[in-house]
N, C-alpha and C. Protein backbone atom coordinates (compact mmCIF):
# COMPACT_ATOMS: atom_id res chain seq x y z
N MET A 1 -42.96 83.33 298.20
CA MET A 1 -43.17 82.31 299.21
C MET A 1 -41.94 82.13 300.09
N THR A 2 -41.02 83.02 300.00
CA THR A 2 -39.81 82.87 300.80
C THR A 2 -40.02 83.20 302.27
N ASP A 3 -41.10 83.90 302.62
CA ASP A 3 -41.31 84.25 304.02
C ASP A 3 -41.99 83.14 304.82
N GLY A 4 -42.35 82.03 304.17
CA GLY A 4 -42.95 80.90 304.85
C GLY A 4 -44.45 81.01 305.04
N ALA A 5 -45.04 82.12 304.64
CA ALA A 5 -46.49 82.29 304.80
C ALA A 5 -47.24 81.50 303.74
N ILE A 6 -48.40 81.02 304.11
CA ILE A 6 -49.25 80.33 303.15
C ILE A 6 -49.95 81.39 302.31
N PRO A 7 -49.84 81.29 300.97
CA PRO A 7 -50.50 82.29 300.12
C PRO A 7 -52.01 82.27 300.34
N ASN A 8 -52.63 83.42 300.18
CA ASN A 8 -54.07 83.55 300.32
C ASN A 8 -54.74 83.06 299.04
N GLU A 9 -55.70 82.15 299.16
CA GLU A 9 -56.38 81.59 298.00
C GLU A 9 -57.26 82.62 297.30
N ARG A 10 -57.47 83.77 297.90
CA ARG A 10 -58.34 84.78 297.31
C ARG A 10 -57.57 85.96 296.72
N THR A 11 -56.26 85.90 296.75
CA THR A 11 -55.44 87.00 296.27
C THR A 11 -54.56 86.55 295.11
N LEU A 12 -54.64 87.26 294.00
CA LEU A 12 -53.79 86.95 292.86
C LEU A 12 -52.46 87.68 292.98
N LYS A 13 -51.38 86.98 292.66
CA LYS A 13 -50.05 87.59 292.64
C LYS A 13 -49.68 88.04 291.23
N LEU A 14 -50.34 87.44 290.20
CA LEU A 14 -50.04 87.76 288.80
C LEU A 14 -51.32 87.99 288.02
N THR A 15 -51.26 88.92 287.08
CA THR A 15 -52.39 89.15 286.19
C THR A 15 -52.35 88.14 285.04
N GLY A 16 -53.40 88.10 284.25
CA GLY A 16 -53.43 87.21 283.09
C GLY A 16 -52.29 87.48 282.13
N ASP A 17 -51.99 88.76 281.87
CA ASP A 17 -50.89 89.11 280.96
C ASP A 17 -49.54 88.69 281.54
N GLU A 18 -49.34 88.90 282.84
CA GLU A 18 -48.09 88.48 283.48
C GLU A 18 -47.94 86.97 283.44
N LEU A 19 -49.04 86.26 283.64
CA LEU A 19 -49.00 84.79 283.56
C LEU A 19 -48.64 84.33 282.16
N GLU A 20 -49.26 84.94 281.16
CA GLU A 20 -48.99 84.58 279.76
C GLU A 20 -47.50 84.77 279.45
N GLN A 21 -46.92 85.88 279.86
CA GLN A 21 -45.49 86.13 279.64
C GLN A 21 -44.63 85.11 280.38
N PHE A 22 -45.00 84.80 281.60
CA PHE A 22 -44.25 83.83 282.39
C PHE A 22 -44.29 82.45 281.74
N ILE A 23 -45.47 82.01 281.34
CA ILE A 23 -45.63 80.70 280.69
C ILE A 23 -44.85 80.66 279.38
N ASP A 24 -44.93 81.74 278.60
CA ASP A 24 -44.18 81.82 277.35
C ASP A 24 -42.68 81.66 277.58
N GLY A 25 -42.20 82.17 278.70
CA GLY A 25 -40.77 82.12 278.99
C GLY A 25 -40.25 80.79 279.48
N ILE A 26 -41.12 79.91 279.99
CA ILE A 26 -40.61 78.65 280.54
C ILE A 26 -40.82 77.45 279.62
N PHE A 27 -41.63 77.62 278.56
CA PHE A 27 -41.84 76.52 277.62
C PHE A 27 -41.21 76.85 276.27
N ASP A 28 -40.70 75.84 275.60
CA ASP A 28 -40.20 75.98 274.25
C ASP A 28 -41.32 76.54 273.37
N PRO A 29 -41.02 77.50 272.48
CA PRO A 29 -42.07 78.12 271.66
C PRO A 29 -42.92 77.12 270.86
N GLU A 30 -42.30 76.07 270.34
CA GLU A 30 -43.08 75.08 269.58
C GLU A 30 -44.03 74.31 270.48
N VAL A 31 -43.60 73.98 271.67
CA VAL A 31 -44.46 73.28 272.63
C VAL A 31 -45.56 74.21 273.11
N ARG A 32 -45.21 75.45 273.34
CA ARG A 32 -46.17 76.43 273.87
C ARG A 32 -47.41 76.56 273.00
N LEU A 33 -47.25 76.40 271.68
CA LEU A 33 -48.39 76.50 270.76
C LEU A 33 -49.47 75.46 271.05
N ASP A 34 -49.08 74.33 271.61
CA ASP A 34 -50.02 73.23 271.88
C ASP A 34 -50.61 73.27 273.29
N LEU A 35 -50.33 74.32 274.05
CA LEU A 35 -50.75 74.35 275.46
C LEU A 35 -51.93 75.26 275.75
N GLY A 36 -52.40 76.00 274.77
CA GLY A 36 -53.57 76.84 274.98
C GLY A 36 -53.21 78.24 275.44
N ASP A 37 -54.22 79.09 275.47
CA ASP A 37 -54.06 80.49 275.85
C ASP A 37 -54.91 80.80 277.08
N ILE A 38 -54.41 81.70 277.90
CA ILE A 38 -55.15 82.13 279.08
C ILE A 38 -56.24 83.10 278.63
N VAL A 39 -57.47 82.78 279.00
CA VAL A 39 -58.62 83.63 278.67
C VAL A 39 -58.90 84.60 279.81
N SER A 40 -58.92 84.08 281.03
CA SER A 40 -59.20 84.93 282.20
C SER A 40 -58.66 84.28 283.46
N VAL A 41 -58.36 85.13 284.43
CA VAL A 41 -57.91 84.67 285.74
C VAL A 41 -58.53 85.57 286.80
N VAL A 42 -59.21 84.95 287.74
CA VAL A 42 -59.76 85.65 288.91
C VAL A 42 -59.40 84.80 290.13
N PRO A 43 -59.49 85.33 291.32
CA PRO A 43 -59.16 84.51 292.48
C PRO A 43 -59.92 83.18 292.48
N GLY A 44 -59.16 82.09 292.53
CA GLY A 44 -59.75 80.75 292.60
C GLY A 44 -60.11 80.11 291.28
N HIS A 45 -60.04 80.86 290.16
CA HIS A 45 -60.48 80.30 288.87
C HIS A 45 -59.66 80.87 287.71
N ALA A 46 -59.27 79.98 286.80
CA ALA A 46 -58.62 80.40 285.55
C ALA A 46 -59.30 79.68 284.40
N ARG A 47 -59.43 80.37 283.29
CA ARG A 47 -60.00 79.75 282.08
C ARG A 47 -58.95 79.82 280.98
N MET A 48 -58.77 78.67 280.32
CA MET A 48 -57.85 78.59 279.19
C MET A 48 -58.60 78.06 277.98
N ARG A 49 -58.08 78.40 276.81
CA ARG A 49 -58.69 77.92 275.57
C ARG A 49 -57.60 77.39 274.65
N LEU A 50 -57.88 76.23 274.07
CA LEU A 50 -56.97 75.61 273.11
C LEU A 50 -57.73 75.40 271.81
N THR A 51 -57.15 75.89 270.72
CA THR A 51 -57.69 75.62 269.39
C THR A 51 -56.91 74.44 268.84
N PRO A 52 -57.54 73.25 268.80
CA PRO A 52 -56.80 72.07 268.36
C PRO A 52 -56.40 72.15 266.89
N GLN A 53 -55.26 71.58 266.59
CA GLN A 53 -54.72 71.56 265.24
C GLN A 53 -54.78 70.13 264.69
N PRO A 54 -54.75 69.97 263.37
CA PRO A 54 -54.84 68.62 262.79
C PRO A 54 -53.81 67.63 263.33
N HIS A 55 -52.61 68.10 263.69
CA HIS A 55 -51.59 67.17 264.20
C HIS A 55 -51.95 66.61 265.58
N MET A 56 -52.96 67.17 266.23
CA MET A 56 -53.39 66.70 267.54
C MET A 56 -54.41 65.58 267.46
N LEU A 57 -54.87 65.27 266.25
CA LEU A 57 -55.93 64.27 266.08
C LEU A 57 -55.39 62.86 266.05
N ARG A 58 -56.19 61.93 266.53
CA ARG A 58 -55.90 60.50 266.41
C ARG A 58 -56.95 59.91 265.48
N LYS A 59 -56.87 58.62 265.25
CA LYS A 59 -57.87 57.98 264.38
C LYS A 59 -59.27 58.27 264.90
N GLY A 60 -60.19 58.45 263.96
CA GLY A 60 -61.54 58.81 264.33
C GLY A 60 -61.74 60.32 264.39
N ASP A 61 -60.69 61.06 264.04
CA ASP A 61 -60.72 62.53 264.04
C ASP A 61 -61.12 63.12 265.39
N ILE A 62 -60.55 62.55 266.46
CA ILE A 62 -60.75 63.11 267.80
C ILE A 62 -59.40 63.55 268.36
N VAL A 63 -59.44 64.57 269.20
CA VAL A 63 -58.21 65.08 269.80
C VAL A 63 -57.62 64.02 270.72
N SER A 64 -56.34 63.77 270.56
CA SER A 64 -55.63 62.76 271.33
C SER A 64 -55.56 63.15 272.82
N GLY A 65 -55.69 62.14 273.67
CA GLY A 65 -55.68 62.34 275.11
C GLY A 65 -54.49 63.10 275.66
N PRO A 66 -53.27 62.86 275.18
CA PRO A 66 -52.13 63.60 275.73
C PRO A 66 -52.26 65.12 275.59
N TYR A 67 -52.91 65.60 274.54
CA TYR A 67 -53.09 67.05 274.41
C TYR A 67 -54.08 67.57 275.45
N LEU A 68 -55.11 66.79 275.75
CA LEU A 68 -56.06 67.20 276.78
C LEU A 68 -55.40 67.16 278.16
N MET A 69 -54.54 66.17 278.38
CA MET A 69 -53.82 66.10 279.65
C MET A 69 -52.86 67.28 279.79
N GLY A 70 -52.21 67.65 278.69
CA GLY A 70 -51.33 68.81 278.72
C GLY A 70 -52.09 70.09 279.05
N LEU A 71 -53.27 70.24 278.45
CA LEU A 71 -54.10 71.41 278.73
C LEU A 71 -54.51 71.43 280.21
N ALA A 72 -54.90 70.29 280.74
CA ALA A 72 -55.29 70.22 282.16
C ALA A 72 -54.11 70.57 283.06
N ASP A 73 -52.94 70.06 282.75
CA ASP A 73 -51.75 70.30 283.55
C ASP A 73 -51.38 71.79 283.54
N VAL A 74 -51.38 72.39 282.37
CA VAL A 74 -51.03 73.80 282.27
C VAL A 74 -52.09 74.68 282.93
N ALA A 75 -53.36 74.32 282.79
CA ALA A 75 -54.42 75.10 283.45
C ALA A 75 -54.24 75.06 284.97
N ALA A 76 -53.89 73.90 285.50
CA ALA A 76 -53.63 73.79 286.94
C ALA A 76 -52.43 74.66 287.33
N TYR A 77 -51.38 74.59 286.54
CA TYR A 77 -50.18 75.39 286.80
C TYR A 77 -50.52 76.88 286.80
N VAL A 78 -51.33 77.31 285.83
CA VAL A 78 -51.70 78.72 285.71
C VAL A 78 -52.45 79.19 286.96
N ILE A 79 -53.46 78.44 287.40
CA ILE A 79 -54.23 78.90 288.56
C ILE A 79 -53.38 78.89 289.83
N ILE A 80 -52.47 77.95 289.94
CA ILE A 80 -51.61 77.89 291.13
C ILE A 80 -50.59 79.03 291.11
N VAL A 81 -49.89 79.21 289.99
CA VAL A 81 -48.89 80.27 289.88
C VAL A 81 -49.53 81.65 290.00
N ALA A 82 -50.76 81.79 289.54
CA ALA A 82 -51.47 83.07 289.69
C ALA A 82 -51.56 83.47 291.16
N HIS A 83 -51.61 82.48 292.05
CA HIS A 83 -51.76 82.75 293.48
C HIS A 83 -50.45 82.75 294.26
N ILE A 84 -49.40 82.11 293.72
CA ILE A 84 -48.13 82.04 294.47
C ILE A 84 -47.04 82.90 293.86
N GLY A 85 -47.23 83.39 292.64
CA GLY A 85 -46.21 84.18 291.97
C GLY A 85 -45.36 83.32 291.05
N LYS A 86 -44.32 83.93 290.50
CA LYS A 86 -43.48 83.29 289.49
C LYS A 86 -42.59 82.22 290.13
N VAL A 87 -43.10 81.02 290.19
CA VAL A 87 -42.38 79.88 290.77
C VAL A 87 -42.26 78.81 289.69
N ALA A 88 -41.15 78.85 288.96
CA ALA A 88 -40.96 77.93 287.84
C ALA A 88 -40.86 76.48 288.31
N MET A 89 -40.37 76.26 289.52
CA MET A 89 -40.14 74.88 289.97
C MET A 89 -41.31 74.27 290.74
N ALA A 90 -42.48 74.85 290.65
CA ALA A 90 -43.68 74.14 291.10
C ALA A 90 -43.89 73.04 290.07
N VAL A 91 -43.98 71.79 290.51
CA VAL A 91 -44.04 70.67 289.57
C VAL A 91 -45.23 69.76 289.85
N THR A 92 -45.73 69.16 288.78
CA THR A 92 -46.86 68.24 288.90
C THR A 92 -46.45 67.05 289.75
N SER A 93 -47.23 66.74 290.77
CA SER A 93 -46.96 65.54 291.56
C SER A 93 -48.01 64.47 291.31
N ASN A 94 -49.19 64.87 290.82
CA ASN A 94 -50.23 63.90 290.48
C ASN A 94 -51.20 64.53 289.49
N LEU A 95 -51.62 63.73 288.51
CA LEU A 95 -52.64 64.17 287.57
C LEU A 95 -53.55 62.98 287.32
N ASN A 96 -54.82 63.12 287.66
CA ASN A 96 -55.81 62.07 287.44
C ASN A 96 -56.81 62.61 286.43
N MET A 97 -56.98 61.88 285.31
CA MET A 97 -57.81 62.38 284.21
C MET A 97 -58.88 61.37 283.86
N ASN A 98 -60.11 61.85 283.73
CA ASN A 98 -61.22 61.03 283.23
C ASN A 98 -61.68 61.62 281.91
N PHE A 99 -61.67 60.79 280.86
CA PHE A 99 -62.13 61.21 279.55
C PHE A 99 -63.60 60.81 279.44
N LEU A 100 -64.47 61.77 279.20
CA LEU A 100 -65.91 61.53 279.27
C LEU A 100 -66.59 61.50 277.91
N ARG A 101 -66.08 62.25 276.95
CA ARG A 101 -66.66 62.30 275.60
C ARG A 101 -65.54 62.52 274.60
N ALA A 102 -65.82 62.21 273.33
CA ALA A 102 -64.86 62.48 272.27
C ALA A 102 -64.69 63.99 272.13
N CYS A 103 -63.48 64.40 271.84
CA CYS A 103 -63.14 65.81 271.67
C CYS A 103 -62.86 66.06 270.19
N THR A 104 -63.64 66.94 269.58
CA THR A 104 -63.54 67.19 268.15
C THR A 104 -62.62 68.38 267.86
N LEU A 105 -62.47 68.68 266.60
CA LEU A 105 -61.57 69.74 266.15
C LEU A 105 -62.26 71.11 266.23
N GLU A 106 -62.66 71.49 267.43
CA GLU A 106 -63.20 72.82 267.69
C GLU A 106 -62.61 73.30 269.01
N ASP A 107 -62.74 74.59 269.29
CA ASP A 107 -62.11 75.15 270.49
C ASP A 107 -62.45 74.35 271.75
N ILE A 108 -61.43 74.18 272.58
CA ILE A 108 -61.55 73.45 273.84
C ILE A 108 -61.34 74.45 274.97
N THR A 109 -62.22 74.43 275.95
CA THR A 109 -62.11 75.32 277.10
C THR A 109 -61.77 74.48 278.33
N ALA A 110 -60.82 74.99 279.12
CA ALA A 110 -60.46 74.35 280.39
C ALA A 110 -60.68 75.35 281.51
N ASP A 111 -61.52 74.99 282.46
CA ASP A 111 -61.75 75.80 283.65
C ASP A 111 -61.00 75.16 284.81
N ALA A 112 -60.07 75.91 285.38
CA ALA A 112 -59.26 75.43 286.50
C ALA A 112 -59.73 76.11 287.78
N TYR A 113 -59.99 75.29 288.80
CA TYR A 113 -60.43 75.79 290.10
C TYR A 113 -59.41 75.40 291.16
N LEU A 114 -58.97 76.37 291.92
CA LEU A 114 -58.03 76.11 293.01
C LEU A 114 -58.79 75.49 294.17
N LEU A 115 -58.43 74.26 294.53
CA LEU A 115 -59.11 73.56 295.63
C LEU A 115 -58.43 73.82 296.96
N LYS A 116 -57.09 73.75 296.97
CA LYS A 116 -56.34 73.93 298.22
C LYS A 116 -54.96 74.44 297.87
N LEU A 117 -54.51 75.39 298.66
CA LEU A 117 -53.19 75.95 298.47
C LEU A 117 -52.47 75.95 299.81
N GLY A 118 -51.49 75.07 299.92
CA GLY A 118 -50.73 74.97 301.16
C GLY A 118 -49.28 75.39 300.96
N ARG A 119 -48.46 75.15 301.98
CA ARG A 119 -47.05 75.52 301.89
C ARG A 119 -46.29 74.66 300.88
N ARG A 120 -46.60 73.38 300.83
CA ARG A 120 -45.84 72.43 300.01
C ARG A 120 -46.64 71.77 298.89
N LEU A 121 -47.96 71.90 298.93
CA LEU A 121 -48.80 71.21 297.95
C LEU A 121 -50.00 72.08 297.59
N ALA A 122 -50.34 72.05 296.30
CA ALA A 122 -51.54 72.76 295.82
C ALA A 122 -52.37 71.78 295.00
N ASN A 123 -53.68 71.90 295.10
CA ASN A 123 -54.60 71.02 294.38
C ASN A 123 -55.56 71.84 293.55
N ALA A 124 -55.84 71.34 292.33
CA ALA A 124 -56.77 72.02 291.44
C ALA A 124 -57.68 71.01 290.76
N GLU A 125 -58.87 71.48 290.42
CA GLU A 125 -59.82 70.69 289.64
C GLU A 125 -59.92 71.35 288.27
N ILE A 126 -59.89 70.54 287.21
CA ILE A 126 -59.97 71.06 285.85
C ILE A 126 -61.16 70.43 285.15
N ARG A 127 -62.02 71.28 284.61
CA ARG A 127 -63.19 70.84 283.86
C ARG A 127 -62.99 71.27 282.41
N ILE A 128 -62.93 70.30 281.50
CA ILE A 128 -62.66 70.56 280.08
C ILE A 128 -63.92 70.32 279.28
N TRP A 129 -64.26 71.29 278.43
CA TRP A 129 -65.50 71.20 277.67
C TRP A 129 -65.38 71.87 276.31
N GLN A 130 -66.35 71.53 275.44
CA GLN A 130 -66.49 72.16 274.13
C GLN A 130 -67.95 72.53 273.94
N GLY A 131 -68.19 73.71 273.41
CA GLY A 131 -69.56 74.10 273.10
C GLY A 131 -70.40 74.45 274.31
N GLN A 132 -70.78 73.45 275.08
CA GLN A 132 -71.63 73.65 276.26
C GLN A 132 -70.84 73.35 277.53
N GLU A 133 -70.84 74.31 278.42
CA GLU A 133 -70.07 74.17 279.66
C GLU A 133 -70.51 72.98 280.51
N ASP A 134 -71.77 72.61 280.41
CA ASP A 134 -72.27 71.50 281.23
C ASP A 134 -72.06 70.13 280.58
N ARG A 135 -71.49 70.07 279.38
CA ARG A 135 -71.18 68.79 278.71
C ARG A 135 -69.67 68.59 278.70
N LEU A 136 -69.16 68.09 279.80
CA LEU A 136 -67.72 67.91 279.93
C LEU A 136 -67.21 66.85 278.96
N ILE A 137 -66.02 67.12 278.42
CA ILE A 137 -65.35 66.08 277.63
C ILE A 137 -64.27 65.40 278.48
N ALA A 138 -63.81 66.10 279.53
CA ALA A 138 -62.82 65.50 280.43
C ALA A 138 -62.85 66.23 281.77
N HIS A 139 -62.41 65.52 282.80
CA HIS A 139 -62.33 66.07 284.15
C HIS A 139 -61.01 65.61 284.75
N ALA A 140 -60.29 66.52 285.40
CA ALA A 140 -59.01 66.17 285.99
C ALA A 140 -58.88 66.78 287.38
N THR A 141 -58.13 66.09 288.22
CA THR A 141 -57.65 66.68 289.46
C THR A 141 -56.13 66.64 289.38
N VAL A 142 -55.52 67.73 289.78
CA VAL A 142 -54.07 67.87 289.63
C VAL A 142 -53.48 68.38 290.94
N SER A 143 -52.37 67.78 291.34
CA SER A 143 -51.63 68.24 292.51
C SER A 143 -50.26 68.73 292.06
N TYR A 144 -49.83 69.82 292.65
CA TYR A 144 -48.51 70.38 292.38
C TYR A 144 -47.71 70.43 293.67
N ALA A 145 -46.46 69.96 293.60
CA ALA A 145 -45.53 70.11 294.71
C ALA A 145 -44.90 71.49 294.59
N LEU A 146 -44.89 72.22 295.69
CA LEU A 146 -44.35 73.58 295.70
C LEU A 146 -43.00 73.59 296.39
N PRO A 147 -42.05 74.33 295.82
CA PRO A 147 -40.73 74.37 296.46
C PRO A 147 -40.81 75.10 297.80
N GLY A 148 -40.00 74.70 298.71
CA GLY A 148 -40.06 75.33 300.02
C GLY A 148 -38.74 75.78 300.43
């Protein structure tokens, strides 16, 4: 992004494997375990999966909200960085989360959709679900400030 051009929302700068290596390098290994794995990345969409662990549960045996927010934030980061390249200092400027259903101790899928990619700001929508894609457990919109 040093040339000042707005990245193309339809062109990936990084593959799923390159993204995984990049994410592994910027987060502490212990924290990284709680952030999920990249399943797939295509222009405009990334899918991540998190296998929740017992330490993520709150009373009632449901996954605690902060872990779902972390998954949403990282999914947004993944789809944005996939399109702009290795930019460690892209930072969350806003995260709005709606919790729709209880999240149990089974695999959690996060689908991140790139809504807008500009010079200084990127926006993504994150749909989090378990079991059935049409039964959301959470929905988030996330904005990232991009270094210029």
